[in-house]
Amino acid sequence: MDNSEKIVYKAYKKGCDYSYTLGAFPTMELIKNKPESVRCVYVHSKYDGSVNIEEVCKEYDIEVRYSDKAINRISTKENCMIVGIFDKFQSELINENNHVLLVNPSDMGNMGTIIRSMLGFGIKDLAIIAPCADIFNPKTVRASMGALFKMRYKIYNSYEEYSKEHGNHDMFPFMLDGDKTLDIMECPKSSLYTLIYGNEATGLPSMFKDVGQSIFIPQSPDVDSLNLPISVGIGCYVFTNINKL
């Protein structure tokens, strides 16, 4: 009997050294991209077999378990038919790649959406300043639709700690009072950059005005600000496209 067999899996807690994928699609992304981290996969008796999860698990030598009770105990999502259980993993950022840096993000759904958007625009390195939302919470994993398993991430205690490792990057803090208005035709060009975003409620601290080139995304006066995932998506789209030219 392996160690995972001895564990009675319950609703996720941050202090655990493992987490869950809820649903067939994120579980498939987990298996294909991080098979070494998968402990096992649970399948509900009502699963319709639209994805042949058993065959994929067999290919990667991953145990499949059948327990409606275990899935109901684990999942906070209604009609969850597939649950993947995986060990949390560490990673390092690639210094020669472009980064997104999130300073104290607090919403797990937002973080997952940002990870998915980053991957969509080809940026695979995410730096995070603590305190922050839990990147391994099933809500984050679900919102990322499994994109988390194709990304590299690292959590830092401060911006200074990050900049010591990646000070060769051009820094672009996105702020409501940024000095340069983002324009798709006049976006700053950089061979190596970090796009920096603040907390959902308060944005970036004022000290970031002195970091690199601060950026403002123009918007209608009818709203006070764009939400964080939208802002990150806009920044990633403009910077990745202008720097291809």
C-alpha atoms as a PDB file:
ATOM      1  CA  MET A   1       0.000   0.000   0.000  1.00  0.00           C
ATOM      2  CA  ASP A   2       1.514   3.367  -1.020  1.00  0.00           C
ATOM      3  CA  ASN A   3       1.410   6.520   1.121  1.00  0.00           C
ATOM      4  CA  SER A   4      -1.355   8.129  -0.931  1.00  0.00           C
ATOM      5  CA  GLU A   5      -3.583   5.121  -0.233  1.00  0.00           C
ATOM      6  CA  LYS A   6      -3.381   5.866   3.493  1.00  0.00           C
ATOM      7  CA  ILE A   7      -4.595   9.442   3.077  1.00  0.00           C
ATOM      8  CA  VAL A   8      -8.293  10.221   3.355  1.00  0.00           C
ATOM      9  CA  TYR A   9      -8.544  13.071   0.858  1.00  0.00           C
ATOM     10  CA  LYS A  10     -10.843  15.884   1.929  1.00  0.00           C
ATOM     11  CA  ALA A  11     -11.592  19.445   0.843  1.00  0.00           C
ATOM     12  CA  TYR A  12      -8.385  21.295  -0.014  1.00  0.00           C
ATOM     13  CA  LYS A  13      -6.314  23.034   2.667  1.00  0.00           C
ATOM     14  CA  LYS A  14      -3.376  25.294   1.865  1.00  0.00           C
ATOM     15  CA  GLY A  15      -1.035  23.526   4.270  1.00  0.00           C
ATOM     16  CA  CYS A  16      -1.243  20.219   2.390  1.00  0.00           C
ATOM     17  CA  ASP A  17       1.633  19.176   0.145  1.00  0.00           C
ATOM     18  CA  TYR A  18      -0.834  18.117  -2.562  1.00  0.00           C
ATOM     19  CA  SER A  19      -3.775  19.626  -4.423  1.00  0.00           C
ATOM     20  CA  TYR A  20      -6.550  18.691  -6.854  1.00  0.00           C
ATOM     21  CA  THR A  21      -7.678  19.192 -10.404  1.00  0.00           C
ATOM     22  CA  LEU A  22     -11.461  19.267 -10.619  1.00  0.00           C
ATOM     23  CA  GLY A  23     -12.827  18.151 -13.972  1.00  0.00           C
ATOM     24  CA  ALA A  24     -11.667  16.128 -16.962  1.00  0.00           C
ATOM     25  CA  PHE A  25      -9.904  18.863 -18.936  1.00  0.00           C
ATOM     26  CA  PRO A  26      -7.592  20.241 -16.220  1.00  0.00           C
ATOM     27  CA  THR A  27      -6.873  16.680 -15.102  1.00  0.00           C
ATOM     28  CA  MET A  28      -5.809  15.751 -18.631  1.00  0.00           C
ATOM     29  CA  GLU A  29      -3.542  18.817 -18.738  1.00  0.00           C
ATOM     30  CA  LEU A  30      -2.030  17.727 -15.423  1.00  0.00           C
ATOM     31  CA  ILE A  31      -1.356  14.196 -16.651  1.00  0.00           C
ATOM     32  CA  LYS A  32       0.161  15.260 -19.968  1.00  0.00           C
ATOM     33  CA  ASN A  33       2.385  18.001 -18.545  1.00  0.00           C
ATOM     34  CA  LYS A  34       3.231  16.883 -14.992  1.00  0.00           C
ATOM     35  CA  PRO A  35       2.752  13.094 -14.933  1.00  0.00           C
ATOM     36  CA  GLU A  36       5.511  12.708 -12.342  1.00  0.00           C
ATOM     37  CA  SER A  37       3.456  14.807  -9.888  1.00  0.00           C
ATOM     38  CA  VAL A  38       0.213  12.795 -10.170  1.00  0.00           C
ATOM     39  CA  ARG A  39      -0.639  10.581  -7.212  1.00  0.00           C
ATOM     40  CA  CYS A  40      -3.843   9.121  -8.625  1.00  0.00           C
ATOM     41  CA  VAL A  41      -7.040   9.995 -10.473  1.00  0.00           C
ATOM     42  CA  TYR A  42     -10.565   9.490  -9.141  1.00  0.00           C
ATOM     43  CA  VAL A  43     -13.444   8.745 -11.529  1.00  0.00           C
ATOM     44  CA  HIS A  44     -17.135   9.105 -10.596  1.00  0.00           C
ATOM     45  CA  SER A  45     -19.578   6.320 -11.461  1.00  0.00           C
ATOM     46  CA  LYS A  46     -21.647   8.822 -13.483  1.00  0.00           C
ATOM     47  CA  TYR A  47     -18.745   9.898 -15.679  1.00  0.00           C
ATOM     48  CA  ASP A  48     -19.859   9.677 -19.315  1.00  0.00           C
ATOM     49  CA  GLY A  49     -16.473   8.703 -20.703  1.00  0.00           C
ATOM     50  CA  SER A  50     -16.243  11.679 -23.087  1.00  0.00           C
ATOM     51  CA  VAL A  51     -12.515  11.652 -22.392  1.00  0.00           C
ATOM     52  CA  ASN A  52     -10.926   8.225 -22.029  1.00  0.00           C
ATOM     53  CA  ILE A  53      -9.169   9.085 -18.809  1.00  0.00           C
ATOM     54  CA  GLU A  54      -8.450   5.460 -17.958  1.00  0.00           C
ATOM     55  CA  GLU A  55      -6.502   4.927 -21.184  1.00  0.00           C
ATOM     56  CA  VAL A  56      -4.429   8.083 -20.664  1.00  0.00           C
ATOM     57  CA  CYS A  57      -3.667   7.123 -17.068  1.00  0.00           C
ATOM     58  CA  LYS A  58      -2.588   3.675 -18.199  1.00  0.00           C
ATOM     59  CA  GLU A  59      -0.196   5.248 -20.698  1.00  0.00           C
ATOM     60  CA  TYR A  60       1.494   7.182 -17.872  1.00  0.00           C
ATOM     61  CA  ASP A  61       1.228   4.377 -15.301  1.00  0.00           C
ATOM     62  CA  ILE A  62      -1.129   6.413 -13.081  1.00  0.00           C
ATOM     63  CA  GLU A  63      -3.573   4.650 -10.787  1.00  0.00           C
ATOM     64  CA  VAL A  64      -7.294   5.186 -11.395  1.00  0.00           C
ATOM     65  CA  ARG A  65      -9.649   4.886  -8.453  1.00  0.00           C
ATOM     66  CA  TYR A  66     -13.442   4.693  -8.495  1.00  0.00           C
ATOM     67  CA  SER A  67     -15.111   6.347  -5.506  1.00  0.00           C
ATOM     68  CA  ASP A  68     -18.102   8.677  -5.654  1.00  0.00           C
ATOM     69  CA  LYS A  69     -17.747   9.213  -1.927  1.00  0.00           C
ATOM     70  CA  ALA A  70     -14.144  10.408  -2.220  1.00  0.00           C
ATOM     71  CA  ILE A  71     -14.985  12.812  -5.064  1.00  0.00           C
ATOM     72  CA  ASN A  72     -17.927  14.273  -3.148  1.00  0.00           C
ATOM     73  CA  ARG A  73     -15.684  14.732  -0.126  1.00  0.00           C
ATOM     74  CA  ILE A  74     -12.956  16.460  -2.135  1.00  0.00           C
ATOM     75  CA  SER A  75     -14.836  18.610  -4.611  1.00  0.00           C
ATOM     76  CA  THR A  76     -16.637  21.888  -3.954  1.00  0.00           C
ATOM     77  CA  LYS A  77     -17.736  21.907  -7.603  1.00  0.00           C
ATOM     78  CA  GLU A  78     -21.111  20.447  -8.522  1.00  0.00           C
ATOM     79  CA  ASN A  79     -21.172  17.614 -11.033  1.00  0.00           C
ATOM     80  CA  CYS A  80     -17.440  16.970 -10.758  1.00  0.00           C
ATOM     81  CA  MET A  81     -16.800  13.584 -12.348  1.00  0.00           C
ATOM     82  CA  ILE A  82     -12.991  13.526 -12.458  1.00  0.00           C
ATOM     83  CA  VAL A  83     -10.479  14.526  -9.769  1.00  0.00           C
ATOM     84  CA  GLY A  84      -6.714  14.454 -10.157  1.00  0.00           C
ATOM     85  CA  ILE A  85      -4.549  14.428  -7.036  1.00  0.00           C
ATOM     86  CA  PHE A  86      -1.051  15.804  -7.481  1.00  0.00           C
ATOM     87  CA  ASP A  87       1.975  16.832  -5.446  1.00  0.00           C
ATOM     88  CA  LYS A  88       2.676  20.542  -5.358  1.00  0.00           C
ATOM     89  CA  PHE A  89       5.811  21.388  -7.284  1.00  0.00           C
ATOM     90  CA  GLN A  90       8.517  24.045  -7.231  1.00  0.00           C
ATOM     91  CA  SER A  91      10.010  25.710 -10.291  1.00  0.00           C
ATOM     92  CA  GLU A  92      12.508  28.377 -11.279  1.00  0.00           C
ATOM     93  CA  LEU A  93      12.024  31.222 -13.743  1.00  0.00           C
ATOM     94  CA  ILE A  94      14.126  31.353 -16.883  1.00  0.00           C
ATOM     95  CA  ASN A  95      16.045  34.611 -16.746  1.00  0.00           C
ATOM     96  CA  GLU A  96      16.318  34.875 -20.530  1.00  0.00           C
ATOM     97  CA  ASN A  97      12.513  34.830 -20.900  1.00  0.00           C
ATOM     98  CA  ASN A  98       9.992  37.638 -20.519  1.00  0.00           C
ATOM     99  CA  HIS A  99       8.082  37.631 -17.225  1.00  0.00           C
ATOM    100  CA  VAL A 100       4.869  38.800 -15.614  1.00  0.00           C
ATOM    101  CA  LEU A 101       5.235  39.905 -11.996  1.00  0.00           C
ATOM    102  CA  LEU A 102       2.153  40.041  -9.740  1.00  0.00           C
ATOM    103  CA  VAL A 103       2.543  42.028  -6.533  1.00  0.00           C
ATOM    104  CA  ASN A 104       0.313  40.660  -3.735  1.00  0.00           C
ATOM    105  CA  PRO A 105      -2.508  39.250  -5.896  1.00  0.00           C
ATOM    106  CA  SER A 106      -5.366  38.207  -3.636  1.00  0.00           C
ATOM    107  CA  ASP A 107      -7.986  36.474  -5.788  1.00  0.00           C
ATOM    108  CA  MET A 108      -7.437  32.852  -6.787  1.00  0.00           C
ATOM    109  CA  GLY A 109      -9.813  32.957  -9.745  1.00  0.00           C
ATOM    110  CA  ASN A 110      -8.025  36.016 -11.096  1.00  0.00           C
ATOM    111  CA  MET A 111      -4.651  34.349 -10.714  1.00  0.00           C
ATOM    112  CA  GLY A 112      -5.821  31.298 -12.656  1.00  0.00           C
ATOM    113  CA  THR A 113      -7.274  33.470 -15.427  1.00  0.00           C
ATOM    114  CA  ILE A 114      -4.010  35.422 -15.650  1.00  0.00           C
ATOM    115  CA  ILE A 115      -1.995  32.200 -15.943  1.00  0.00           C
ATOM    116  CA  ARG A 116      -4.236  31.047 -18.780  1.00  0.00           C
ATOM    117  CA  SER A 117      -3.924  34.408 -20.576  1.00  0.00           C
ATOM    118  CA  MET A 118      -0.149  34.487 -20.157  1.00  0.00           C
ATOM    119  CA  LEU A 119       0.171  31.052 -21.705  1.00  0.00           C
ATOM    120  CA  GLY A 120      -2.115  32.123 -24.554  1.00  0.00           C
ATOM    121  CA  PHE A 121       0.281  34.951 -25.400  1.00  0.00           C
ATOM    122  CA  GLY A 122       3.398  32.827 -24.999  1.00  0.00           C
ATOM    123  CA  ILE A 123       4.680  34.154 -21.658  1.00  0.00           C
ATOM    124  CA  LYS A 124       5.423  31.155 -19.435  1.00  0.00           C
ATOM    125  CA  ASP A 125       7.276  32.684 -16.464  1.00  0.00           C
ATOM    126  CA  LEU A 126       5.262  34.128 -13.562  1.00  0.00           C
ATOM    127  CA  ALA A 127       6.810  35.859 -10.562  1.00  0.00           C
ATOM    128  CA  ILE A 128       4.634  36.514  -7.510  1.00  0.00           C
ATOM    129  CA  ILE A 129       5.304  38.727  -4.496  1.00  0.00           C
ATOM    130  CA  ALA A 130       3.923  37.371  -1.200  1.00  0.00           C
ATOM    131  CA  PRO A 131       1.567  37.653   0.544  1.00  0.00           C
ATOM    132  CA  CYS A 132      -0.508  36.325  -2.304  1.00  0.00           C
ATOM    133  CA  ALA A 133      -3.323  34.052  -3.385  1.00  0.00           C
ATOM    134  CA  ASP A 134      -2.584  30.330  -3.315  1.00  0.00           C
ATOM    135  CA  ILE A 135      -1.391  29.250  -6.754  1.00  0.00           C
ATOM    136  CA  PHE A 136      -2.272  25.624  -5.965  1.00  0.00           C
ATOM    137  CA  ASN A 137      -5.780  26.182  -4.671  1.00  0.00           C
ATOM    138  CA  PRO A 138      -8.168  24.139  -6.849  1.00  0.00           C
ATOM    139  CA  LYS A 139      -9.963  27.408  -7.716  1.00  0.00           C
ATOM    140  CA  THR A 140      -6.726  28.750  -9.205  1.00  0.00           C
ATOM    141  CA  VAL A 141      -6.023  25.487 -11.013  1.00  0.00           C
ATOM    142  CA  ARG A 142      -9.555  25.344 -12.376  1.00  0.00           C
ATOM    143  CA  ALA A 143      -9.541  28.982 -13.555  1.00  0.00           C
ATOM    144  CA  SER A 144      -6.255  28.334 -15.356  1.00  0.00           C
ATOM    145  CA  MET A 145      -7.906  25.355 -17.129  1.00  0.00           C
ATOM    146  CA  GLY A 146      -4.740  23.405 -16.460  1.00  0.00           C
ATOM    147  CA  ALA A 147      -2.436  26.079 -17.944  1.00  0.00           C
ATOM    148  CA  LEU A 148      -0.621  26.106 -14.601  1.00  0.00           C
ATOM    149  CA  PHE A 149       1.031  22.803 -15.538  1.00  0.00           C
ATOM    150  CA  LYS A 150       2.742  24.386 -18.556  1.00  0.00           C
ATOM    151  CA  MET A 151       4.049  27.385 -16.614  1.00  0.00           C
ATOM    152  CA  ARG A 152       7.032  28.217 -14.434  1.00  0.00           C
ATOM    153  CA  TYR A 153       6.426  30.226 -11.279  1.00  0.00           C
ATOM    154  CA  LYS A 154       8.366  31.520  -8.307  1.00  0.00           C
ATOM    155  CA  ILE A 155       7.192  33.304  -5.160  1.00  0.00           C
ATOM    156  CA  TYR A 156       9.340  36.103  -3.722  1.00  0.00           C
ATOM    157  CA  ASN A 157       9.158  37.976  -0.436  1.00  0.00           C
ATOM    158  CA  SER A 158       9.719  41.392  -2.028  1.00  0.00           C
ATOM    159  CA  TYR A 159      10.267  43.188  -5.313  1.00  0.00           C
ATOM    160  CA  GLU A 160      13.877  43.744  -4.293  1.00  0.00           C
ATOM    161  CA  GLU A 161      14.377  39.984  -4.023  1.00  0.00           C
ATOM    162  CA  TYR A 162      12.975  39.521  -7.516  1.00  0.00           C
ATOM    163  CA  SER A 163      15.034  42.345  -9.038  1.00  0.00           C
ATOM    164  CA  LYS A 164      18.270  40.909  -7.625  1.00  0.00           C
ATOM    165  CA  GLU A 165      17.672  37.788  -9.709  1.00  0.00           C
ATOM    166  CA  HIS A 166      16.253  39.467 -12.796  1.00  0.00           C
ATOM    167  CA  GLY A 167      17.605  43.014 -12.797  1.00  0.00           C
ATOM    168  CA  ASN A 168      18.618  42.621 -16.442  1.00  0.00           C
ATOM    169  CA  HIS A 169      14.937  42.865 -17.412  1.00  0.00           C
ATOM    170  CA  ASP A 170      13.346  46.132 -18.515  1.00  0.00           C
ATOM    171  CA  MET A 171      10.642  46.776 -15.914  1.00  0.00           C
ATOM    172  CA  PHE A 172       7.188  48.040 -16.887  1.00  0.00           C
ATOM    173  CA  PRO A 173       4.866  48.682 -13.902  1.00  0.00           C
ATOM    174  CA  PHE A 174       1.211  49.111 -14.928  1.00  0.00           C
ATOM    175  CA  MET A 175      -0.294  51.965 -12.894  1.00  0.00           C
ATOM    176  CA  LEU A 176      -3.295  54.306 -13.077  1.00  0.00           C
ATOM    177  CA  ASP A 177      -0.869  57.246 -12.948  1.00  0.00           C
ATOM    178  CA  GLY A 178       1.713  55.645 -15.239  1.00  0.00           C
ATOM    179  CA  ASP A 179       3.947  58.040 -17.138  1.00  0.00           C
ATOM    180  CA  LYS A 180       3.487  56.438 -20.563  1.00  0.00           C
ATOM    181  CA  THR A 181       0.097  55.678 -22.110  1.00  0.00           C
ATOM    182  CA  LEU A 182       0.022  52.225 -23.688  1.00  0.00           C
ATOM    183  CA  ASP A 183      -0.469  52.504 -27.427  1.00  0.00           C
ATOM    184  CA  ILE A 184      -0.340  49.486 -29.720  1.00  0.00           C
ATOM    185  CA  MET A 185       1.601  51.497 -32.311  1.00  0.00           C
ATOM    186  CA  GLU A 186       4.028  53.067 -29.824  1.00  0.00           C
ATOM    187  CA  CYS A 187       4.497  50.347 -27.242  1.00  0.00           C
ATOM    188  CA  PRO A 188       8.032  50.330 -25.778  1.00  0.00           C
ATOM    189  CA  LYS A 189      10.239  47.786 -27.489  1.00  0.00           C
ATOM    190  CA  SER A 190      12.399  45.576 -25.320  1.00  0.00           C
ATOM    191  CA  SER A 191      14.359  42.414 -25.927  1.00  0.00           C
ATOM    192  CA  LEU A 192      13.737  41.289 -22.330  1.00  0.00           C
ATOM    193  CA  TYR A 193      10.969  42.659 -20.130  1.00  0.00           C
ATOM    194  CA  THR A 194       8.878  42.172 -17.005  1.00  0.00           C
ATOM    195  CA  LEU A 195       5.272  43.413 -16.887  1.00  0.00           C
ATOM    196  CA  ILE A 196       4.403  44.339 -13.292  1.00  0.00           C
ATOM    197  CA  TYR A 197       0.873  44.469 -11.843  1.00  0.00           C
ATOM    198  CA  GLY A 198      -0.468  45.212  -8.384  1.00  0.00           C
ATOM    199  CA  ASN A 199      -3.188  43.996  -6.072  1.00  0.00           C
ATOM    200  CA  GLU A 200      -6.800  43.900  -7.302  1.00  0.00           C
ATOM    201  CA  ALA A 201      -7.938  46.448  -4.690  1.00  0.00           C
ATOM    202  CA  THR A 202      -5.024  48.878  -4.396  1.00  0.00           C
ATOM    203  CA  GLY A 203      -2.843  48.425  -7.472  1.00  0.00           C
ATOM    204  CA  LEU A 204       0.887  48.949  -7.201  1.00  0.00           C
ATOM    205  CA  PRO A 205       2.465  50.964  -4.363  1.00  0.00           C
ATOM    206  CA  SER A 206       3.637  54.429  -5.388  1.00  0.00           C
ATOM    207  CA  MET A 207       7.300  53.374  -5.166  1.00  0.00           C
ATOM    208  CA  PHE A 208       6.877  51.561  -8.477  1.00  0.00           C
ATOM    209  CA  LYS A 209       6.732  54.943 -10.260  1.00  0.00           C
ATOM    210  CA  ASP A 210      10.515  54.919  -9.786  1.00  0.00           C
ATOM    211  CA  VAL A 211      10.885  51.423 -11.252  1.00  0.00           C
ATOM    212  CA  GLY A 212      11.587  51.257 -14.987  1.00  0.00           C
ATOM    213  CA  GLN A 213       8.938  52.796 -17.278  1.00  0.00           C
ATOM    214  CA  SER A 214       5.480  53.015 -15.705  1.00  0.00           C
ATOM    215  CA  ILE A 215       2.573  52.286 -18.057  1.00  0.00           C
ATOM    216  CA  PHE A 216      -1.035  53.508 -18.116  1.00  0.00           C
ATOM    217  CA  ILE A 217      -3.745  51.638 -20.046  1.00  0.00           C
ATOM    218  CA  PRO A 218      -6.178  54.225 -21.478  1.00  0.00           C
ATOM    219  CA  GLN A 219      -9.803  53.611 -20.560  1.00  0.00           C
ATOM    220  CA  SER A 220     -13.228  55.206 -20.506  1.00  0.00           C
ATOM    221  CA  PRO A 221     -13.911  57.629 -17.627  1.00  0.00           C
ATOM    222  CA  ASP A 222     -17.056  55.607 -16.916  1.00  0.00           C
ATOM    223  CA  VAL A 223     -15.046  53.057 -14.893  1.00  0.00           C
ATOM    224  CA  ASP A 224     -12.499  53.628 -12.152  1.00  0.00           C
ATOM    225  CA  SER A 225     -10.156  50.919 -13.424  1.00  0.00           C
ATOM    226  CA  LEU A 226      -9.932  47.741 -15.460  1.00  0.00           C
ATOM    227  CA  ASN A 227      -9.867  44.505 -13.507  1.00  0.00           C
ATOM    228  CA  LEU A 228      -6.551  42.756 -13.053  1.00  0.00           C
ATOM    229  CA  PRO A 229      -6.925  39.833 -15.501  1.00  0.00           C
ATOM    230  CA  ILE A 230      -8.095  42.215 -18.254  1.00  0.00           C
ATOM    231  CA  SER A 231      -5.152  44.547 -17.610  1.00  0.00           C
ATOM    232  CA  VAL A 232      -2.660  41.688 -17.710  1.00  0.00           C
ATOM    233  CA  GLY A 233      -4.227  40.332 -20.885  1.00  0.00           C
ATOM    234  CA  ILE A 234      -3.987  43.718 -22.606  1.00  0.00           C
ATOM    235  CA  GLY A 235      -0.374  44.206 -21.521  1.00  0.00           C
ATOM    236  CA  CYS A 236       0.661  40.725 -22.642  1.00  0.00           C
ATOM    237  CA  TYR A 237      -1.078  41.102 -25.990  1.00  0.00           C
ATOM    238  CA  VAL A 238       0.444  44.479 -26.830  1.00  0.00           C
ATOM    239  CA  PHE A 239       3.969  43.713 -25.624  1.00  0.00           C
ATOM    240  CA  THR A 240       4.215  40.270 -27.222  1.00  0.00           C
ATOM    241  CA  ASN A 241       2.960  41.580 -30.568  1.00  0.00           C
ATOM    242  CA  ILE A 242       4.899  44.847 -30.786  1.00  0.00           C
ATOM    243  CA  ASN A 243       8.127  43.125 -29.818  1.00  0.00           C
ATOM    244  CA  LYS A 244       7.728  40.653 -32.695  1.00  0.00           C
ATOM    245  CA  LEU A 245       8.013  43.506 -35.196  1.00  0.00           C
END
